[in-house]
PDB file of N, CA and C in Angstrom:
ATOM      1  N   UNK A   1       4.471  -7.101 -20.385  1.00  0.00           N
ATOM      2  CA  UNK A   1       5.107  -7.157 -19.074  1.00  0.00           C
ATOM      3  C   UNK A   1       6.624  -6.925 -19.248  1.00  0.00           C
ATOM      4  N   UNK A   2       7.169  -6.028 -18.456  1.00  0.00           N
ATOM      5  CA  UNK A   2       8.601  -5.712 -18.543  1.00  0.00           C
ATOM      6  C   UNK A   2       9.446  -6.776 -17.801  1.00  0.00           C
ATOM      7  N   UNK A   3      10.727  -6.680 -18.037  1.00  0.00           N
ATOM      8  CA  UNK A   3      11.683  -7.585 -17.410  1.00  0.00           C
ATOM      9  C   UNK A   3      12.608  -6.751 -16.524  1.00  0.00           C
ATOM     10  N   UNK A   4      12.912  -7.315 -15.334  1.00  0.00           N
ATOM     11  CA  UNK A   4      13.772  -6.624 -14.416  1.00  0.00           C
ATOM     12  C   UNK A   4      14.762  -7.651 -13.848  1.00  0.00           C
ATOM     13  N   UNK A   5      16.049  -7.352 -13.938  1.00  0.00           N
ATOM     14  CA  UNK A   5      17.076  -8.211 -13.358  1.00  0.00           C
ATOM     15  C   UNK A   5      17.538  -7.613 -12.074  1.00  0.00           C
ATOM     16  N   UNK A   6      17.672  -8.454 -11.050  1.00  0.00           N
ATOM     17  CA  UNK A   6      18.032  -7.962  -9.714  1.00  0.00           C
ATOM     18  C   UNK A   6      19.085  -8.907  -9.132  1.00  0.00           C
ATOM     19  N   UNK A   7      20.124  -8.341  -8.557  1.00  0.00           N
ATOM     20  CA  UNK A   7      21.111  -9.135  -7.815  1.00  0.00           C
ATOM     21  C   UNK A   7      20.675  -9.169  -6.383  1.00  0.00           C
ATOM     22  N   UNK A   8      20.628 -10.367  -5.809  1.00  0.00           N
ATOM     23  CA  UNK A   8      20.166 -10.548  -4.427  1.00  0.00           C
ATOM     24  C   UNK A   8      21.311 -11.033  -3.559  1.00  0.00           C
ATOM     25  N   UNK A   9      21.400 -10.532  -2.336  1.00  0.00           N
ATOM     26  CA  UNK A   9      22.336 -11.125  -1.388  1.00  0.00           C
ATOM     27  C   UNK A   9      21.964 -12.604  -1.191  1.00  0.00           C
ATOM     28  N   UNK A  10      22.949 -13.399  -0.830  1.00  0.00           N
ATOM     29  CA  UNK A  10      22.737 -14.840  -0.696  1.00  0.00           C
ATOM     30  C   UNK A  10      21.587 -15.186   0.293  1.00  0.00           C
ATOM     31  N   UNK A  11      21.545 -14.489   1.404  1.00  0.00           N
ATOM     32  CA  UNK A  11      20.506 -14.718   2.412  1.00  0.00           C
ATOM     33  C   UNK A  11      19.099 -14.466   1.829  1.00  0.00           C
ATOM     34  N   UNK A  12      18.987 -13.405   1.077  1.00  0.00           N
ATOM     35  CA  UNK A  12      17.689 -13.054   0.498  1.00  0.00           C
ATOM     36  C   UNK A  12      17.292 -14.094  -0.565  1.00  0.00           C
ATOM     37  N   UNK A  13      18.257 -14.554  -1.319  1.00  0.00           N
ATOM     38  CA  UNK A  13      17.980 -15.590  -2.320  1.00  0.00           C
ATOM     39  C   UNK A  13      17.508 -16.884  -1.652  1.00  0.00           C
ATOM     40  N   UNK A  14      18.126 -17.240  -0.536  1.00  0.00           N
ATOM     41  CA  UNK A  14      17.687 -18.432   0.189  1.00  0.00           C
ATOM     42  C   UNK A  14      16.273 -18.263   0.717  1.00  0.00           C
ATOM     43  N   UNK A  15      15.978 -17.078   1.232  1.00  0.00           N
ATOM     44  CA  UNK A  15      14.612 -16.829   1.728  1.00  0.00           C
ATOM     45  C   UNK A  15      13.621 -16.873   0.577  1.00  0.00           C
ATOM     46  N   UNK A  16      13.996 -16.388  -0.579  1.00  0.00           N
ATOM     47  CA  UNK A  16      13.115 -16.438  -1.744  1.00  0.00           C
ATOM     48  C   UNK A  16      12.805 -17.866  -2.115  1.00  0.00           C
ATOM     49  N   UNK A  17      13.836 -18.711  -2.105  1.00  0.00           N
ATOM     50  CA  UNK A  17      13.606 -20.123  -2.436  1.00  0.00           C
ATOM     51  C   UNK A  17      12.747 -20.803  -1.367  1.00  0.00           C
ATOM     52  N   UNK A  18      12.895 -20.421  -0.127  1.00  0.00           N
ATOM     53  CA  UNK A  18      12.061 -20.949   0.929  1.00  0.00           C
ATOM     54  C   UNK A  18      10.596 -20.513   0.722  1.00  0.00           C
ATOM     55  N   UNK A  19      10.416 -19.267   0.311  1.00  0.00           N
ATOM     56  CA  UNK A  19       9.094 -18.752   0.021  1.00  0.00           C
ATOM     57  C   UNK A  19       8.448 -19.540  -1.114  1.00  0.00           C
ATOM     58  N   UNK A  20       9.228 -19.861  -2.149  1.00  0.00           N
ATOM     59  CA  UNK A  20       8.732 -20.654  -3.253  1.00  0.00           C
ATOM     60  C   UNK A  20       8.210 -21.995  -2.736  1.00  0.00           C
ATOM     61  N   UNK A  21       8.978 -22.626  -1.860  1.00  0.00           N
ATOM     62  CA  UNK A  21       8.543 -23.944  -1.309  1.00  0.00           C
ATOM     63  C   UNK A  21       7.324 -23.769  -0.424  1.00  0.00           C
ATOM     64  N   UNK A  22       7.346 -22.814   0.474  1.00  0.00           N
ATOM     65  CA  UNK A  22       6.225 -22.620   1.427  1.00  0.00           C
ATOM     66  C   UNK A  22       4.923 -22.304   0.717  1.00  0.00           C
ATOM     67  N   UNK A  23       5.009 -21.483  -0.334  1.00  0.00           N
ATOM     68  CA  UNK A  23       3.793 -21.080  -1.074  1.00  0.00           C
ATOM     69  C   UNK A  23       3.445 -22.010  -2.222  1.00  0.00           C
ATOM     70  N   UNK A  24       4.277 -23.028  -2.372  1.00  0.00           N
ATOM     71  CA  UNK A  24       4.044 -24.048  -3.450  1.00  0.00           C
ATOM     72  C   UNK A  24       3.978 -23.373  -4.829  1.00  0.00           C
ATOM     73  N   UNK A  25       4.953 -22.518  -5.058  1.00  0.00           N
ATOM     74  CA  UNK A  25       5.061 -21.864  -6.375  1.00  0.00           C
ATOM     75  C   UNK A  25       6.024 -22.633  -7.221  1.00  0.00           C
ATOM     76  N   UNK A  26       5.953 -22.387  -8.524  1.00  0.00           N
ATOM     77  CA  UNK A  26       6.809 -23.137  -9.444  1.00  0.00           C
ATOM     78  C   UNK A  26       8.179 -22.477  -9.704  1.00  0.00           C
ATOM     79  N   UNK A  27       8.211 -21.160  -9.685  1.00  0.00           N
ATOM     80  CA  UNK A  27       9.427 -20.446 -10.047  1.00  0.00           C
ATOM     81  C   UNK A  27       9.740 -19.351  -9.077  1.00  0.00           C
ATOM     82  N   UNK A  28      11.039 -19.102  -8.851  1.00  0.00           N
ATOM     83  CA  UNK A  28      11.420 -17.946  -8.023  1.00  0.00           C
ATOM     84  C   UNK A  28      10.866 -16.604  -8.575  1.00  0.00           C
ATOM     85  N   UNK A  29      10.721 -16.533  -9.888  1.00  0.00           N
ATOM     86  CA  UNK A  29      10.169 -15.280 -10.484  1.00  0.00           C
ATOM     87  C   UNK A  29       8.753 -15.039 -10.032  1.00  0.00           C
ATOM     88  N   UNK A  30       7.959 -16.112  -9.891  1.00  0.00           N
ATOM     89  CA  UNK A  30       6.599 -15.995  -9.366  1.00  0.00           C
ATOM     90  C   UNK A  30       6.624 -15.444  -7.937  1.00  0.00           C
ATOM     91  N   UNK A  31       7.535 -15.981  -7.168  1.00  0.00           N
ATOM     92  CA  UNK A  31       7.633 -15.553  -5.764  1.00  0.00           C
ATOM     93  C   UNK A  31       8.088 -14.087  -5.678  1.00  0.00           C
ATOM     94  N   UNK A  32       9.018 -13.708  -6.533  1.00  0.00           N
ATOM     95  CA  UNK A  32       9.502 -12.332  -6.557  1.00  0.00           C
ATOM     96  C   UNK A  32       8.359 -11.371  -6.920  1.00  0.00           C
ATOM     97  N   UNK A  33       7.556 -11.726  -7.926  1.00  0.00           N
ATOM     98  CA  UNK A  33       6.387 -10.895  -8.311  1.00  0.00           C
ATOM     99  C   UNK A  33       5.403 -10.783  -7.171  1.00  0.00           C
ATOM    100  N   UNK A  34       5.124 -11.917  -6.515  1.00  0.00           N
ATOM    101  CA  UNK A  34       4.151 -11.910  -5.419  1.00  0.00           C
ATOM    102  C   UNK A  34       4.668 -11.031  -4.261  1.00  0.00           C
ATOM    103  N   UNK A  35       5.928 -11.191  -3.867  1.00  0.00           N
ATOM    104  CA  UNK A  35       6.493 -10.408  -2.791  1.00  0.00           C
ATOM    105  C   UNK A  35       6.585  -8.925  -3.139  1.00  0.00           C
ATOM    106  N   UNK A  36       6.913  -8.621  -4.402  1.00  0.00           N
ATOM    107  CA  UNK A  36       6.976  -7.245  -4.843  1.00  0.00           C
ATOM    108  C   UNK A  36       5.602  -6.614  -4.794  1.00  0.00           C
ATOM    109  N   UNK A  37       4.591  -7.359  -5.175  1.00  0.00           N
ATOM    110  CA  UNK A  37       3.226  -6.868  -5.127  1.00  0.00           C
ATOM    111  C   UNK A  37       2.779  -6.573  -3.699  1.00  0.00           C
ATOM    112  N   UNK A  38       3.131  -7.459  -2.793  1.00  0.00           N
ATOM    113  CA  UNK A  38       2.841  -7.273  -1.379  1.00  0.00           C
ATOM    114  C   UNK A  38       3.550  -6.009  -0.852  1.00  0.00           C
ATOM    115  N   UNK A  39       4.804  -5.866  -1.211  1.00  0.00           N
ATOM    116  CA  UNK A  39       5.588  -4.688  -0.761  1.00  0.00           C
ATOM    117  C   UNK A  39       5.049  -3.379  -1.317  1.00  0.00           C
ATOM    118  N   UNK A  40       4.708  -3.394  -2.568  1.00  0.00           N
ATOM    119  CA  UNK A  40       4.138  -2.166  -3.191  1.00  0.00           C
ATOM    120  C   UNK A  40       2.798  -1.795  -2.601  1.00  0.00           C
ATOM    121  N   UNK A  41       2.007  -2.804  -2.290  1.00  0.00           N
ATOM    122  CA  UNK A  41       0.681  -2.539  -1.656  1.00  0.00           C
ATOM    123  C   UNK A  41       0.913  -1.866  -0.295  1.00  0.00           C
ATOM    124  N   UNK A  42       1.835  -2.399   0.483  1.00  0.00           N
ATOM    125  CA  UNK A  42       2.117  -1.814   1.802  1.00  0.00           C
ATOM    126  C   UNK A  42       2.697  -0.419   1.621  1.00  0.00           C
ATOM    127  N   UNK A  43       3.531  -0.198   0.648  1.00  0.00           N
ATOM    128  CA  UNK A  43       4.153   1.117   0.418  1.00  0.00           C
ATOM    129  C   UNK A  43       3.047   2.147   0.068  1.00  0.00           C
ATOM    130  N   UNK A  44       2.135   1.769  -0.848  1.00  0.00           N
ATOM    131  CA  UNK A  44       1.039   2.679  -1.214  1.00  0.00           C
ATOM    132  C   UNK A  44       0.212   3.050   0.003  1.00  0.00           C
ATOM    133  N   UNK A  45      -0.105   2.080   0.860  1.00  0.00           N
ATOM    134  CA  UNK A  45      -0.904   2.348   2.031  1.00  0.00           C
ATOM    135  C   UNK A  45      -0.157   3.251   3.000  1.00  0.00           C
ATOM    136  N   UNK A  46       1.119   3.010   3.237  1.00  0.00           N
ATOM    137  CA  UNK A  46       1.897   3.850   4.124  1.00  0.00           C
ATOM    138  C   UNK A  46       2.000   5.275   3.570  1.00  0.00           C
ATOM    139  N   UNK A  47       2.189   5.407   2.304  1.00  0.00           N
ATOM    140  CA  UNK A  47       2.295   6.722   1.659  1.00  0.00           C
ATOM    141  C   UNK A  47       0.966   7.462   1.810  1.00  0.00           C
ATOM    142  N   UNK A  48      -0.147   6.782   1.573  1.00  0.00           N
ATOM    143  CA  UNK A  48      -1.453   7.407   1.674  1.00  0.00           C
ATOM    144  C   UNK A  48      -1.745   7.841   3.125  1.00  0.00           C
ATOM    145  N   UNK A  49      -1.395   6.999   4.098  1.00  0.00           N
ATOM    146  CA  UNK A  49      -1.620   7.366   5.513  1.00  0.00           C
ATOM    147  C   UNK A  49      -0.755   8.574   5.901  1.00  0.00           C
ATOM    148  N   UNK A  50       0.466   8.600   5.419  1.00  0.00           N
ATOM    149  CA  UNK A  50       1.368   9.702   5.773  1.00  0.00           C
ATOM    150  C   UNK A  50       0.845  11.007   5.170  1.00  0.00           C
ATOM    151  N   UNK A  51       0.474  10.991   3.902  1.00  0.00           N
ATOM    152  CA  UNK A  51      -0.036  12.180   3.282  1.00  0.00           C
ATOM    153  C   UNK A  51      -1.319  12.682   3.930  1.00  0.00           C
ATOM    154  N   UNK A  52      -2.172  11.742   4.306  1.00  0.00           N
ATOM    155  CA  UNK A  52      -3.425  12.093   4.981  1.00  0.00           C
ATOM    156  C   UNK A  52      -3.144  12.725   6.333  1.00  0.00           C
ATOM    157  N   UNK A  53      -2.267  12.101   7.096  1.00  0.00           N
ATOM    158  CA  UNK A  53      -1.909  12.612   8.419  1.00  0.00           C
ATOM    159  C   UNK A  53      -1.278  14.024   8.330  1.00  0.00           C
ATOM    160  N   UNK A  54      -0.499  14.253   7.287  1.00  0.00           N
ATOM    161  CA  UNK A  54       0.150  15.566   7.105  1.00  0.00           C
ATOM    162  C   UNK A  54      -0.812  16.613   6.532  1.00  0.00           C
ATOM    163  N   UNK A  55      -2.034  16.158   6.191  1.00  0.00           N
ATOM    164  CA  UNK A  55      -3.007  17.105   5.635  1.00  0.00           C
ATOM    165  C   UNK A  55      -2.732  17.489   4.211  1.00  0.00           C
ATOM    166  N   UNK A  56      -1.917  16.723   3.500  1.00  0.00           N
ATOM    167  CA  UNK A  56      -1.553  17.055   2.144  1.00  0.00           C
ATOM    168  C   UNK A  56      -2.574  16.533   1.131  1.00  0.00           C
ATOM    169  N   UNK A  57      -3.413  15.605   1.515  1.00  0.00           N
ATOM    170  CA  UNK A  57      -4.446  15.078   0.648  1.00  0.00           C
ATOM    171  C   UNK A  57      -5.716  14.880   1.441  1.00  0.00           C
ATOM    172  N   UNK A  58      -6.837  14.795   0.716  1.00  0.00           N
ATOM    173  CA  UNK A  58      -8.115  14.540   1.354  1.00  0.00           C
ATOM    174  C   UNK A  58      -8.208  13.015   1.628  1.00  0.00           C
ATOM    175  N   UNK A  59      -9.208  12.655   2.406  1.00  0.00           N
ATOM    176  CA  UNK A  59      -9.445  11.259   2.704  1.00  0.00           C
ATOM    177  C   UNK A  59      -9.708  10.457   1.407  1.00  0.00           C
ATOM    178  N   UNK A  60     -10.475  11.063   0.521  1.00  0.00           N
ATOM    179  CA  UNK A  60     -10.824  10.376  -0.734  1.00  0.00           C
ATOM    180  C   UNK A  60      -9.577  10.189  -1.581  1.00  0.00           C
ATOM    181  N   UNK A  61      -8.727  11.199  -1.683  1.00  0.00           N
ATOM    182  CA  UNK A  61      -7.517  11.098  -2.469  1.00  0.00           C
ATOM    183  C   UNK A  61      -6.581  10.082  -1.869  1.00  0.00           C
ATOM    184  N   UNK A  62      -6.457  10.035  -0.533  1.00  0.00           N
ATOM    185  CA  UNK A  62      -5.600   9.065   0.112  1.00  0.00           C
ATOM    186  C   UNK A  62      -6.069   7.638  -0.182  1.00  0.00           C
ATOM    187  N   UNK A  63      -7.384   7.412  -0.178  1.00  0.00           N
ATOM    188  CA  UNK A  63      -7.930   6.103  -0.483  1.00  0.00           C
ATOM    189  C   UNK A  63      -7.526   5.705  -1.927  1.00  0.00           C
ATOM    190  N   UNK A  64      -7.565   6.662  -2.834  1.00  0.00           N
ATOM    191  CA  UNK A  64      -7.195   6.388  -4.230  1.00  0.00           C
ATOM    192  C   UNK A  64      -5.695   6.042  -4.311  1.00  0.00           C
ATOM    193  N   UNK A  65      -4.890   6.784  -3.574  1.00  0.00           N
ATOM    194  CA  UNK A  65      -3.418   6.498  -3.584  1.00  0.00           C
ATOM    195  C   UNK A  65      -3.164   5.082  -3.062  1.00  0.00           C
ATOM    196  N   UNK A  66      -3.888   4.729  -1.996  1.00  0.00           N
ATOM    197  CA  UNK A  66      -3.725   3.386  -1.410  1.00  0.00           C
ATOM    198  C   UNK A  66      -4.360   2.274  -2.269  1.00  0.00           C
ATOM    199  N   UNK A  67      -5.133   2.708  -3.282  1.00  0.00           N
ATOM    200  CA  UNK A  67      -5.882   1.772  -4.148  1.00  0.00           C
ATOM    201  C   UNK A  67      -6.818   0.917  -3.340  1.00  0.00           C
ATOM    202  N   UNK A  68      -7.553   1.587  -2.400  1.00  0.00           N
ATOM    203  CA  UNK A  68      -8.538   0.928  -1.578  1.00  0.00           C
ATOM    204  C   UNK A  68      -9.877   1.637  -1.713  1.00  0.00           C
ATOM    205  N   UNK A  69     -10.942   0.925  -1.443  1.00  0.00           N
ATOM    206  CA  UNK A  69     -12.266   1.554  -1.406  1.00  0.00           C
ATOM    207  C   UNK A  69     -12.253   2.480  -0.182  1.00  0.00           C
ATOM    208  N   UNK A  70     -13.192   3.433  -0.148  1.00  0.00           N
ATOM    209  CA  UNK A  70     -13.287   4.324   0.990  1.00  0.00           C
ATOM    210  C   UNK A  70     -13.484   3.529   2.292  1.00  0.00           C
ATOM    211  N   UNK A  71     -14.321   2.507   2.243  1.00  0.00           N
ATOM    212  CA  UNK A  71     -14.557   1.706   3.457  1.00  0.00           C
ATOM    213  C   UNK A  71     -13.339   0.963   3.901  1.00  0.00           C
ATOM    214  N   UNK A  72     -12.631   0.354   2.962  1.00  0.00           N
ATOM    215  CA  UNK A  72     -11.403  -0.366   3.339  1.00  0.00           C
ATOM    216  C   UNK A  72     -10.336   0.587   3.838  1.00  0.00           C
ATOM    217  N   UNK A  73     -10.248   1.792   3.232  1.00  0.00           N
ATOM    218  CA  UNK A  73      -9.276   2.753   3.701  1.00  0.00           C
ATOM    219  C   UNK A  73      -9.632   3.255   5.085  1.00  0.00           C
ATOM    220  N   UNK A  74     -10.945   3.455   5.331  1.00  0.00           N
ATOM    221  CA  UNK A  74     -11.374   3.896   6.668  1.00  0.00           C
ATOM    222  C   UNK A  74     -10.994   2.859   7.716  1.00  0.00           C
ATOM    223  N   UNK A  75     -11.125   1.581   7.367  1.00  0.00           N
ATOM    224  CA  UNK A  75     -10.748   0.498   8.280  1.00  0.00           C
ATOM    225  C   UNK A  75      -9.215   0.551   8.534  1.00  0.00           C
ATOM    226  N   UNK A  76      -8.443   0.799   7.483  1.00  0.00           N
ATOM    227  CA  UNK A  76      -6.986   0.902   7.645  1.00  0.00           C
ATOM    228  C   UNK A  76      -6.616   2.113   8.532  1.00  0.00           C
ATOM    229  N   UNK A  77      -7.249   3.235   8.329  1.00  0.00           N
ATOM    230  CA  UNK A  77      -6.992   4.423   9.137  1.00  0.00           C
ATOM    231  C   UNK A  77      -7.295   4.137  10.596  1.00  0.00           C
ATOM    232  N   UNK A  78      -8.416   3.479  10.826  1.00  0.00           N
ATOM    233  CA  UNK A  78      -8.819   3.154  12.204  1.00  0.00           C
ATOM    234  C   UNK A  78      -7.795   2.150  12.801  1.00  0.00           C
ATOM    235  N   UNK A  79      -7.450   1.125  12.029  1.00  0.00           N
ATOM    236  CA  UNK A  79      -6.520   0.097  12.484  1.00  0.00           C
ATOM    237  C   UNK A  79      -5.132   0.693  12.839  1.00  0.00           C
ATOM    238  N   UNK A  80      -4.680   1.623  12.011  1.00  0.00           N
ATOM    239  CA  UNK A  80      -3.363   2.236  12.207  1.00  0.00           C
ATOM    240  C   UNK A  80      -3.401   3.447  13.172  1.00  0.00           C
ATOM    241  N   UNK A  81      -4.635   3.774  13.620  1.00  0.00           N
ATOM    242  CA  UNK A  81      -4.830   4.907  14.548  1.00  0.00           C
ATOM    243  C   UNK A  81      -4.218   6.191  13.990  1.00  0.00           C
ATOM    244  N   UNK A  82      -4.458   6.423  12.707  1.00  0.00           N
ATOM    245  CA  UNK A  82      -3.960   7.614  12.038  1.00  0.00           C
ATOM    246  C   UNK A  82      -4.844   8.797  12.367  1.00  0.00           C
ATOM    247  N   UNK A  83      -4.238   9.849  12.830  1.00  0.00           N
ATOM    248  CA  UNK A  83      -4.985  11.094  13.112  1.00  0.00           C
ATOM    249  C   UNK A  83      -4.988  11.921  11.839  1.00  0.00           C
ATOM    250  N   UNK A  84      -6.176  12.211  11.356  1.00  0.00           N
ATOM    251  CA  UNK A  84      -6.268  12.940  10.099  1.00  0.00           C
ATOM    252  C   UNK A  84      -7.290  14.059  10.078  1.00  0.00           C
ATOM    253  N   UNK A  85      -8.101  14.122  11.097  1.00  0.00           N
ATOM    254  CA  UNK A  85      -9.192  15.124  11.112  1.00  0.00           C
ATOM    255  C   UNK A  85      -8.603  16.513  11.330  1.00  0.00           C
ATOM    256  N   UNK A  86      -8.702  17.341  10.290  1.00  0.00           N
ATOM    257  CA  UNK A  86      -8.259  18.728  10.367  1.00  0.00           C
ATOM    258  C   UNK A  86      -9.288  19.538   9.640  1.00  0.00           C
ATOM    259  N   UNK A  87      -9.524  20.748  10.060  1.00  0.00           N
ATOM    260  CA  UNK A  87     -10.580  21.595   9.473  1.00  0.00           C
ATOM    261  C   UNK A  87     -10.510  21.695   7.966  1.00  0.00           C
ATOM    262  N   UNK A  88      -9.314  21.948   7.451  1.00  0.00           N
ATOM    263  CA  UNK A  88      -9.142  22.110   5.996  1.00  0.00           C
ATOM    264  C   UNK A  88      -9.506  20.860   5.243  1.00  0.00           C
ATOM    265  N   UNK A  89      -9.063  19.710   5.755  1.00  0.00           N
ATOM    266  CA  UNK A  89      -9.321  18.428   5.087  1.00  0.00           C
ATOM    267  C   UNK A  89     -10.820  18.134   5.090  1.00  0.00           C
ATOM    268  N   UNK A  90     -11.487  18.356   6.219  1.00  0.00           N
ATOM    269  CA  UNK A  90     -12.911  18.122   6.285  1.00  0.00           C
ATOM    270  C   UNK A  90     -13.653  19.000   5.327  1.00  0.00           C
ATOM    271  N   UNK A  91     -13.316  20.258   5.244  1.00  0.00           N
ATOM    272  CA  UNK A  91     -13.978  21.170   4.338  1.00  0.00           C
ATOM    273  C   UNK A  91     -13.842  20.727   2.905  1.00  0.00           C
ATOM    274  N   UNK A  92     -12.640  20.280   2.495  1.00  0.00           N
ATOM    275  CA  UNK A  92     -12.419  19.828   1.128  1.00  0.00           C
ATOM    276  C   UNK A  92     -13.244  18.591   0.832  1.00  0.00           C
ATOM    277  N   UNK A  93     -13.278  17.642   1.790  1.00  0.00           N
ATOM    278  CA  UNK A  93     -14.069  16.445   1.609  1.00  0.00           C
ATOM    279  C   UNK A  93     -15.553  16.751   1.461  1.00  0.00           C
ATOM    280  N   UNK A  94     -16.036  17.681   2.275  1.00  0.00           N
ATOM    281  CA  UNK A  94     -17.471  18.089   2.196  1.00  0.00           C
ATOM    282  C   UNK A  94     -17.743  18.717   0.843  1.00  0.00           C
ATOM    283  N   UNK A  95     -16.851  19.570   0.370  1.00  0.00           N
ATOM    284  CA  UNK A  95     -17.061  20.236  -0.911  1.00  0.00           C
ATOM    285  C   UNK A  95     -17.043  19.196  -2.065  1.00  0.00           C
ATOM    286  N   UNK A  96     -16.207  18.191  -1.989  1.00  0.00           N
ATOM    287  CA  UNK A  96     -16.125  17.184  -3.013  1.00  0.00           C
ATOM    288  C   UNK A  96     -17.386  16.334  -3.021  1.00  0.00           C
ATOM    289  N   UNK A  97     -17.943  16.079  -1.843  1.00  0.00           N
ATOM    290  CA  UNK A  97     -19.095  15.221  -1.718  1.00  0.00           C
ATOM    291  C   UNK A  97     -20.321  15.872  -2.396  1.00  0.00           C
ATOM    292  N   UNK A  98     -20.376  17.179  -2.404  1.00  0.00           N
ATOM    293  CA  UNK A  98     -21.474  17.903  -3.034  1.00  0.00           C
ATOM    294  C   UNK A  98     -22.781  17.764  -2.282  1.00  0.00           C
ATOM    295  N   UNK A  99     -23.860  18.284  -2.871  1.00  0.00           N
ATOM    296  CA  UNK A  99     -25.159  18.283  -2.186  1.00  0.00           C
ATOM    297  C   UNK A  99     -25.802  16.917  -2.157  1.00  0.00           C
TER     298      UNK A  99
END
C-alpha cells in the first residue's frame, strides 16, 4: 500500500475528524481512505455513464468501467435516467453477446 500526504484546509480537516467520530473510526487515515474510496466509486460511475451517453463505449464496457455487474449498472442507468440507446451501441452489444 502506498503513502500519500495531503494538506487539507482547516474546515475539511474538521469535517474529517467529525467523520471519524460519526463513523466510530480509530484514525483520520481510516476516514480518509473510506471517503476516497466513496469518491472514486462515484467518479467511476459518473465516467461510465458519461461515456455510455456519448456513445463512446458499449453498455458492457461502461459496466466494467464503473466496476459494477451488468444488473447493477442497468439499475444505475435507470436511476440516473441516462439515455444511451443508439443504433451503433446496440449493434456492438449484440455482436459481443454472440449466438
